Amino acid sequence: LPKTLNIIDPKCLNEYAQVIKMLGNGRLEAMCFDGVKRLCHIRGKLRKKVWINTSDIILVGLRDYQDTKADVILKYNADEARSLKAYGELPEHAKINETDTFGPGDDDEIQFDDIGGDDEDIDDVSV
């Protein structure tokens, strides 16, 4: 395991999560990989320094007195998230960077019509 990758101890009150929706004011909604949707607060150390977007993988600190709320401790970049998935820390159904994946066949069904006919020559400017 790389020393720079923060892997959590299952005995502590931390959980991996994926951001569902940004709510503003330093808050977000995340689906934790234990199956619970939580309202998360971005702590001051991360605010304005680490930008969190929808579908990012984050580490949240659970509150022992509020099960539906948590605090964002760390944001993983795409490479770290792939490493976590490879080590078995994240479940197989977790989609990493799903907004940035553009593969063959992802053309969003856009079709272009040929409006101008091939009959006329565009370079011919005779009046």
Protein backbone atom coordinates (compact mmCIF):
# COMPACT_ATOMS: atom_id res chain seq x y z
CA LEU A 1 0.00 0.00 0.00
CA PRO A 2 1.28 3.49 -0.77
CA LYS A 3 2.02 5.55 2.32
CA THR A 4 0.26 8.59 0.87
CA LEU A 5 -3.07 6.76 0.60
CA ASN A 6 -5.22 7.18 3.70
CA ILE A 7 -7.05 3.93 4.38
CA ILE A 8 -9.39 3.94 7.34
CA ASP A 9 -9.49 1.53 10.22
CA PRO A 10 -12.91 -0.17 10.29
CA LYS A 11 -13.10 0.16 14.09
CA CYS A 12 -13.10 3.97 14.05
CA LEU A 13 -16.08 6.17 13.25
CA ASN A 14 -15.16 6.92 9.62
CA GLU A 15 -16.83 5.82 6.40
CA TYR A 16 -16.23 6.17 2.68
CA ALA A 17 -18.94 8.02 0.75
CA GLN A 18 -19.77 9.37 -2.69
CA VAL A 19 -21.10 12.90 -3.12
CA ILE A 20 -24.68 12.98 -4.44
CA LYS A 21 -25.48 16.69 -4.35
CA MET A 22 -23.77 19.91 -3.35
CA LEU A 23 -26.05 21.96 -1.10
CA GLY A 24 -24.00 25.12 -0.62
CA ASN A 25 -22.84 26.84 2.57
CA GLY A 26 -20.19 24.16 3.13
CA ARG A 27 -22.68 21.30 3.10
CA LEU A 28 -23.30 18.35 0.80
CA GLU A 29 -25.39 15.23 0.56
CA ALA A 30 -23.45 11.98 0.33
CA MET A 31 -24.32 8.31 0.05
CA CYS A 32 -22.09 6.39 2.42
CA PHE A 33 -21.05 2.91 1.38
CA ASP A 34 -22.76 1.46 4.44
CA GLY A 35 -26.05 2.32 2.68
CA VAL A 36 -27.03 5.46 4.62
CA LYS A 37 -27.57 8.85 2.96
CA ARG A 38 -26.03 11.56 5.14
CA LEU A 39 -25.90 15.35 5.29
CA CYS A 40 -22.21 16.21 5.47
CA HIS A 41 -20.46 19.37 6.62
CA ILE A 42 -17.17 20.38 4.96
CA ARG A 43 -14.77 21.27 7.75
CA GLY A 44 -12.87 24.54 7.76
CA LYS A 45 -9.50 23.05 6.78
CA LEU A 46 -10.95 21.82 3.46
CA ARG A 47 -13.20 24.77 2.73
CA LYS A 48 -11.93 27.03 -0.10
CA LYS A 49 -8.82 24.84 -0.43
CA VAL A 50 -10.15 21.49 -1.63
CA TRP A 51 -12.95 21.71 -4.16
CA ILE A 52 -15.48 18.90 -3.88
CA ASN A 53 -17.81 18.05 -6.76
CA THR A 54 -20.66 15.64 -7.37
CA SER A 55 -19.61 11.95 -7.62
CA ASP A 56 -16.31 12.52 -5.77
CA ILE A 57 -15.19 9.88 -3.28
CA ILE A 58 -14.76 11.35 0.21
CA LEU A 59 -13.96 10.16 3.72
CA VAL A 60 -16.51 11.25 6.31
CA GLY A 61 -16.32 11.19 10.08
CA LEU A 62 -19.51 9.81 11.56
CA ARG A 63 -21.10 11.39 14.59
CA ASP A 64 -21.94 9.01 17.40
CA TYR A 65 -24.88 11.17 18.48
CA GLN A 66 -26.35 11.91 15.00
CA ASP A 67 -26.51 9.03 12.53
CA THR A 68 -27.80 11.10 9.59
CA LYS A 69 -25.04 13.74 9.75
CA ALA A 70 -21.29 13.53 9.18
CA ASP A 71 -18.21 15.68 8.65
CA VAL A 72 -16.03 15.58 5.52
CA ILE A 73 -12.49 14.69 6.56
CA LEU A 74 -10.77 14.05 3.24
CA LYS A 75 -11.40 14.08 -0.51
CA TYR A 76 -9.79 11.41 -2.68
CA ASN A 77 -8.72 12.24 -6.22
CA ALA A 78 -9.57 9.85 -9.06
CA ASP A 79 -6.30 7.90 -8.87
CA GLU A 80 -6.58 7.41 -5.11
CA ALA A 81 -10.21 6.31 -5.48
CA ARG A 82 -9.22 3.74 -8.11
CA SER A 83 -6.50 2.47 -5.77
CA LEU A 84 -9.01 2.17 -2.92
CA LYS A 85 -11.33 0.19 -5.19
CA ALA A 86 -8.45 -2.06 -6.28
CA TYR A 87 -7.54 -2.74 -2.62
CA GLY A 88 -11.15 -3.71 -1.88
CA GLU A 89 -11.89 -0.74 0.38
CA LEU A 90 -14.70 0.51 -1.88
CA PRO A 91 -17.55 -1.72 -3.10
CA GLU A 92 -17.58 -2.91 -6.71
CA HIS A 93 -20.71 -0.90 -7.57
CA ALA A 94 -18.95 2.40 -6.76
CA LYS A 95 -18.56 4.48 -9.90
CA ILE A 96 -15.39 6.53 -9.89
CA ASN A 97 -15.29 9.71 -11.96
CA GLU A 98 -18.45 8.79 -13.82
CA THR A 99 -18.84 12.34 -15.08
CA ASP A 100 -15.45 12.27 -16.80
CA THR A 101 -15.75 8.96 -18.62
CA PHE A 102 -16.24 9.44 -22.32
CA GLY A 103 -15.87 6.20 -24.18
CA PRO A 104 -16.85 5.02 -27.61
CA GLY A 105 -20.58 5.19 -28.09
CA ASP A 106 -21.10 8.07 -25.66
CA ASP A 107 -22.25 10.52 -28.32
CA ASP A 108 -25.50 11.43 -26.51
CA GLU A 109 -27.49 10.54 -29.63
CA ILE A 110 -26.58 13.81 -31.39
CA GLN A 111 -27.26 13.66 -35.11
CA PHE A 112 -26.28 16.29 -37.64
CA ASP A 113 -28.23 16.83 -40.85
CA ASP A 114 -26.53 17.85 -44.06
CA ILE A 115 -28.45 21.05 -44.81
CA GLY A 116 -26.52 22.26 -47.83
CA GLY A 117 -26.48 20.07 -50.90
CA ASP A 118 -23.26 18.94 -52.51
CA ASP A 119 -24.43 20.49 -55.82
CA GLU A 120 -23.24 24.03 -55.28
CA ASP A 121 -19.59 24.98 -55.15
CA ILE A 122 -18.83 27.20 -52.17
CA ASP A 123 -15.52 28.44 -53.59
CA ASP A 124 -17.17 29.64 -56.81
CA VAL A 125 -18.10 33.29 -56.15
CA SER A 126 -19.28 34.27 -59.61
CA VAL A 127 -22.37 36.46 -59.52
